[in-house]
Amino acid sequence: MGATLVWVHGGAWAERHASERSREILSAHGLHVVTATHRLSGEATWPAQLDDVREAARKARAERPGAPVLIGGRSSGGHLALQLGLRGIDAADDVAGVIAISPPVDPLAADWPEARASGSPWTRLLGHVPTPLDDVTADATPANHVGNGVPVLIVHGTGDTVVPPAQALDLSNALLASGHPVTTYLTAGDHDVDLTRDDVRTVIASFLTTLAAPALPV
């Protein structure tokens, strides 16, 4: 049985961007793709979004017993995919892999002061401006949850003006330091990296083949 990929929509945690095209593209890799939604930041603050994606993953897993589960997403959806993959659905090791496209991961990064502005997506998500030593800010930062060894693929456009590409590099370093298998692909492009590009498709396919059997049986 092929793996299930739970795909989380983007939208800065505040909107539900269409994910049908991503679902179609990723299905071509032999994955059974289901989409997950969550309460928006205007409806509830962190960690409600993670709770909703976790519940969607539980449902997807129950519908295909025995199939490995991957979590993926674009932009804010990539952030939520990382959060769930690094924490696990119900156990630390029950996610087979994570695919994160252009994910925002650190609101305290020195090169991203916009993340700490009043009214920023991060501020709306947390319910307050991100600050050091704040428990909610720390909990919403993926690097604070590394260590379970889940394989991670991060794809990020070097021309991204929405989320700094350095976010990908910083998280990759934290993951590697904690023993995670990590594939990081920085490529030409903006925030909306085209998943149909040959190079991006190749990177995704290569990542999937590196996941150890029987995690992704043919």
Protein backbone atom coordinates (compact mmCIF):
# COMPACT_ATOMS: atom_id res chain seq x y z
CA MET A 1 0.00 0.00 0.00
CA GLY A 2 1.39 3.40 -0.98
CA ALA A 3 1.85 6.18 1.51
CA THR A 4 -0.74 8.76 2.46
CA LEU A 5 0.34 12.40 2.21
CA VAL A 6 -1.67 14.79 4.35
CA TRP A 7 -1.31 18.15 2.57
CA VAL A 8 -1.93 21.38 4.51
CA HIS A 9 -3.02 24.50 2.65
CA GLY A 10 -1.19 27.80 2.82
CA GLY A 11 -2.59 31.24 3.47
CA ALA A 12 -0.54 32.79 6.29
CA TRP A 13 -2.68 30.84 8.78
CA ALA A 14 -5.38 33.43 8.00
CA GLU A 15 -6.78 32.22 4.66
CA ARG A 16 -7.40 28.92 2.90
CA HIS A 17 -5.48 28.99 -0.35
CA ALA A 18 -6.62 26.46 -2.92
CA SER A 19 -4.61 23.23 -2.76
CA GLU A 20 -6.23 21.17 -5.52
CA ARG A 21 -3.34 21.75 -7.95
CA SER A 22 -0.74 20.73 -5.37
CA ARG A 23 -2.77 17.64 -4.59
CA GLU A 24 -2.88 16.69 -8.27
CA ILE A 25 0.86 17.24 -8.74
CA LEU A 26 1.86 15.27 -5.66
CA SER A 27 -0.50 12.43 -6.49
CA ALA A 28 1.59 11.90 -9.62
CA HIS A 29 4.42 10.79 -7.33
CA GLY A 30 2.36 7.75 -6.34
CA LEU A 31 1.07 9.21 -3.12
CA HIS A 32 -2.50 9.08 -1.86
CA VAL A 33 -3.00 12.78 -1.13
CA VAL A 34 -5.64 14.12 1.22
CA THR A 35 -6.00 17.76 2.14
CA ALA A 36 -6.22 19.11 5.67
CA THR A 37 -7.72 22.38 6.78
CA HIS A 38 -7.61 24.19 10.09
CA ARG A 39 -9.13 27.04 12.00
CA LEU A 40 -7.81 30.35 10.77
CA SER A 41 -5.95 32.81 12.98
CA GLY A 42 -9.00 35.08 12.94
CA GLU A 43 -10.99 32.24 14.49
CA ALA A 44 -8.51 30.80 16.99
CA THR A 45 -4.89 31.27 17.99
CA TRP A 46 -2.05 28.80 18.34
CA PRO A 47 -2.06 25.83 18.89
CA ALA A 48 -5.59 25.35 17.51
CA GLN A 49 -4.19 25.06 13.98
CA LEU A 50 -1.88 22.21 14.96
CA ASP A 51 -4.69 20.47 16.81
CA ASP A 52 -6.86 20.57 13.68
CA VAL A 53 -4.15 19.24 11.38
CA ARG A 54 -3.37 16.46 13.84
CA GLU A 55 -7.02 15.44 13.84
CA ALA A 56 -7.08 15.47 10.03
CA ALA A 57 -4.01 13.22 10.00
CA ARG A 58 -5.65 10.81 12.43
CA LYS A 59 -8.67 10.59 10.17
CA ALA A 60 -6.55 10.05 7.06
CA ARG A 61 -4.58 7.32 8.82
CA ALA A 62 -7.75 5.57 9.97
CA GLU A 63 -9.11 5.53 6.42
CA ARG A 64 -6.05 3.62 5.15
CA PRO A 65 -4.85 1.37 7.98
CA GLY A 66 -1.26 0.30 7.59
CA ALA A 67 -0.30 2.98 5.08
CA PRO A 68 2.65 5.18 6.09
CA VAL A 69 1.67 8.80 6.68
CA LEU A 70 3.62 11.79 5.40
CA ILE A 71 2.77 15.38 6.18
CA GLY A 72 3.34 18.23 3.75
CA GLY A 73 2.31 21.77 3.01
CA ARG A 74 3.13 25.06 1.37
CA SER A 75 3.98 28.29 3.21
CA SER A 76 2.05 28.33 6.52
CA GLY A 77 0.95 24.81 5.64
CA GLY A 78 4.62 23.83 5.53
CA HIS A 79 5.05 25.25 9.02
CA LEU A 80 2.16 23.13 10.28
CA ALA A 81 3.50 20.06 8.45
CA LEU A 82 6.84 20.51 10.18
CA GLN A 83 5.17 20.97 13.54
CA LEU A 84 3.18 17.76 13.22
CA GLY A 85 6.01 15.76 11.69
CA LEU A 86 8.45 16.77 14.40
CA ARG A 87 6.00 16.09 17.22
CA GLY A 88 4.20 13.09 15.74
CA ILE A 89 0.50 12.45 15.37
CA ASP A 90 0.11 10.25 18.43
CA ALA A 91 3.68 9.02 18.86
CA ALA A 92 7.04 10.60 18.13
CA ASP A 93 7.82 8.20 15.29
CA ASP A 94 4.47 7.81 13.52
CA VAL A 95 5.14 10.23 10.64
CA ALA A 96 7.20 8.79 7.77
CA GLY A 97 8.40 12.11 6.34
CA VAL A 98 7.73 15.82 5.92
CA ILE A 99 7.60 17.92 2.74
CA ALA A 100 7.67 21.67 3.43
CA ILE A 101 7.52 24.22 0.62
CA SER A 102 8.57 27.80 1.52
CA PRO A 103 7.77 27.37 5.22
CA PRO A 104 7.95 30.21 7.75
CA VAL A 105 9.66 28.73 10.79
CA ASP A 106 11.24 31.41 12.99
CA PRO A 107 9.45 34.65 13.87
CA LEU A 108 12.43 35.80 15.93
CA ALA A 109 14.98 35.65 13.10
CA ALA A 110 17.09 38.82 13.04
CA ASP A 111 16.66 39.22 9.28
CA TRP A 112 12.86 39.08 9.47
CA PRO A 113 11.63 42.01 11.60
CA GLU A 114 8.37 42.04 9.64
CA ALA A 115 7.38 38.86 11.47
CA ARG A 116 7.32 40.82 14.72
CA ALA A 117 5.19 43.68 13.44
CA SER A 118 1.79 44.37 14.92
CA GLY A 119 -0.72 42.71 12.64
CA SER A 120 1.78 40.35 11.00
CA PRO A 121 0.68 36.78 10.21
CA TRP A 122 2.78 35.53 13.12
CA THR A 123 1.24 38.07 15.48
CA ARG A 124 -2.26 37.04 14.41
CA LEU A 125 -1.37 33.36 14.80
CA LEU A 126 0.04 33.72 18.30
CA GLY A 127 -2.41 36.34 19.50
CA HIS A 128 0.44 38.71 20.34
CA VAL A 129 3.73 39.93 18.90
CA PRO A 130 6.37 37.15 18.92
CA THR A 131 8.92 37.74 21.65
CA PRO A 132 11.89 35.88 23.13
CA LEU A 133 11.22 33.86 26.28
CA ASP A 134 7.53 33.68 25.41
CA ASP A 135 6.18 30.14 25.76
CA VAL A 136 3.70 30.46 22.89
CA THR A 137 6.33 31.83 20.52
CA ALA A 138 8.66 29.00 21.47
CA ASP A 139 5.99 26.36 21.03
CA ALA A 140 5.12 27.62 17.54
CA THR A 141 8.78 27.53 16.43
CA PRO A 142 9.59 24.18 14.75
CA ALA A 143 13.28 24.21 15.71
CA ASN A 144 12.24 23.79 19.32
CA HIS A 145 10.76 20.38 18.53
CA VAL A 146 13.54 18.70 16.56
CA GLY A 147 14.92 15.33 17.59
CA ASN A 148 12.52 12.56 16.59
CA GLY A 149 14.51 11.77 13.44
CA VAL A 150 11.72 12.21 10.90
CA PRO A 151 13.13 12.77 7.37
CA VAL A 152 12.45 16.29 6.09
CA LEU A 153 12.44 17.90 2.65
CA ILE A 154 12.47 21.70 2.50
CA VAL A 155 12.10 23.52 -0.84
CA HIS A 156 12.48 27.29 -0.91
CA GLY A 157 12.83 29.90 -3.63
CA THR A 158 15.86 32.16 -3.38
CA GLY A 159 13.74 35.08 -4.60
CA ASP A 160 11.09 34.67 -1.91
CA THR A 161 10.13 38.09 -0.56
CA VAL A 162 7.41 36.73 1.73
CA VAL A 163 9.47 34.30 3.80
CA PRO A 164 13.26 34.79 3.87
CA PRO A 165 15.11 31.83 2.30
CA ALA A 166 17.42 31.87 5.31
CA GLN A 167 14.53 30.33 7.25
CA ALA A 168 15.09 27.10 5.33
CA LEU A 169 18.82 27.06 5.98
CA ASP A 170 18.52 27.81 9.69
CA LEU A 171 15.97 25.07 10.25
CA SER A 172 17.96 22.62 8.13
CA ASN A 173 20.99 23.21 10.34
CA ALA A 174 18.95 22.61 13.47
CA LEU A 175 17.51 19.41 12.01
CA LEU A 176 20.91 18.11 10.93
CA ALA A 177 22.39 18.87 14.33
CA SER A 178 19.65 16.73 15.90
CA GLY A 179 20.18 13.77 13.58
CA HIS A 180 17.36 14.22 11.07
CA PRO A 181 17.86 13.16 7.46
CA VAL A 182 17.33 16.45 5.64
CA THR A 183 17.08 17.46 1.99
CA THR A 184 17.16 21.22 1.47
CA TYR A 185 16.63 22.57 -2.02
CA LEU A 186 17.12 26.29 -2.54
CA THR A 187 16.20 27.17 -6.09
CA ALA A 188 15.39 30.09 -8.35
CA GLY A 189 11.86 31.28 -7.76
CA ASP A 190 9.63 33.25 -5.45
CA HIS A 191 7.38 32.22 -2.59
CA ASP A 192 5.13 30.14 -4.84
CA VAL A 193 7.68 27.59 -6.05
CA ASP A 194 6.26 25.74 -9.06
CA LEU A 195 5.93 22.08 -8.12
CA THR A 196 5.57 21.10 -11.76
CA ARG A 197 9.10 22.21 -12.64
CA ASP A 198 11.26 19.28 -13.66
CA ASP A 199 13.95 20.03 -11.09
CA VAL A 200 11.46 20.34 -8.25
CA ARG A 201 9.66 17.15 -9.28
CA THR A 202 13.01 15.37 -9.36
CA VAL A 203 13.93 16.58 -5.88
CA ILE A 204 10.59 15.42 -4.47
CA ALA A 205 10.87 12.04 -6.20
CA SER A 206 14.43 11.59 -4.94
CA PHE A 207 13.39 12.44 -1.38
CA LEU A 208 10.59 9.89 -1.51
CA THR A 209 12.97 7.17 -2.69
CA THR A 210 15.33 7.87 0.21
CA LEU A 211 12.66 7.08 2.76
CA ALA A 212 13.58 3.69 4.11
CA ALA A 213 11.46 0.64 3.27
CA PRO A 214 9.00 -0.42 4.49
CA ALA A 215 8.02 3.19 5.15
CA LEU A 216 7.01 3.66 1.53
CA PRO A 217 6.32 0.23 0.02
CA VAL A 218 6.08 0.06 -3.75
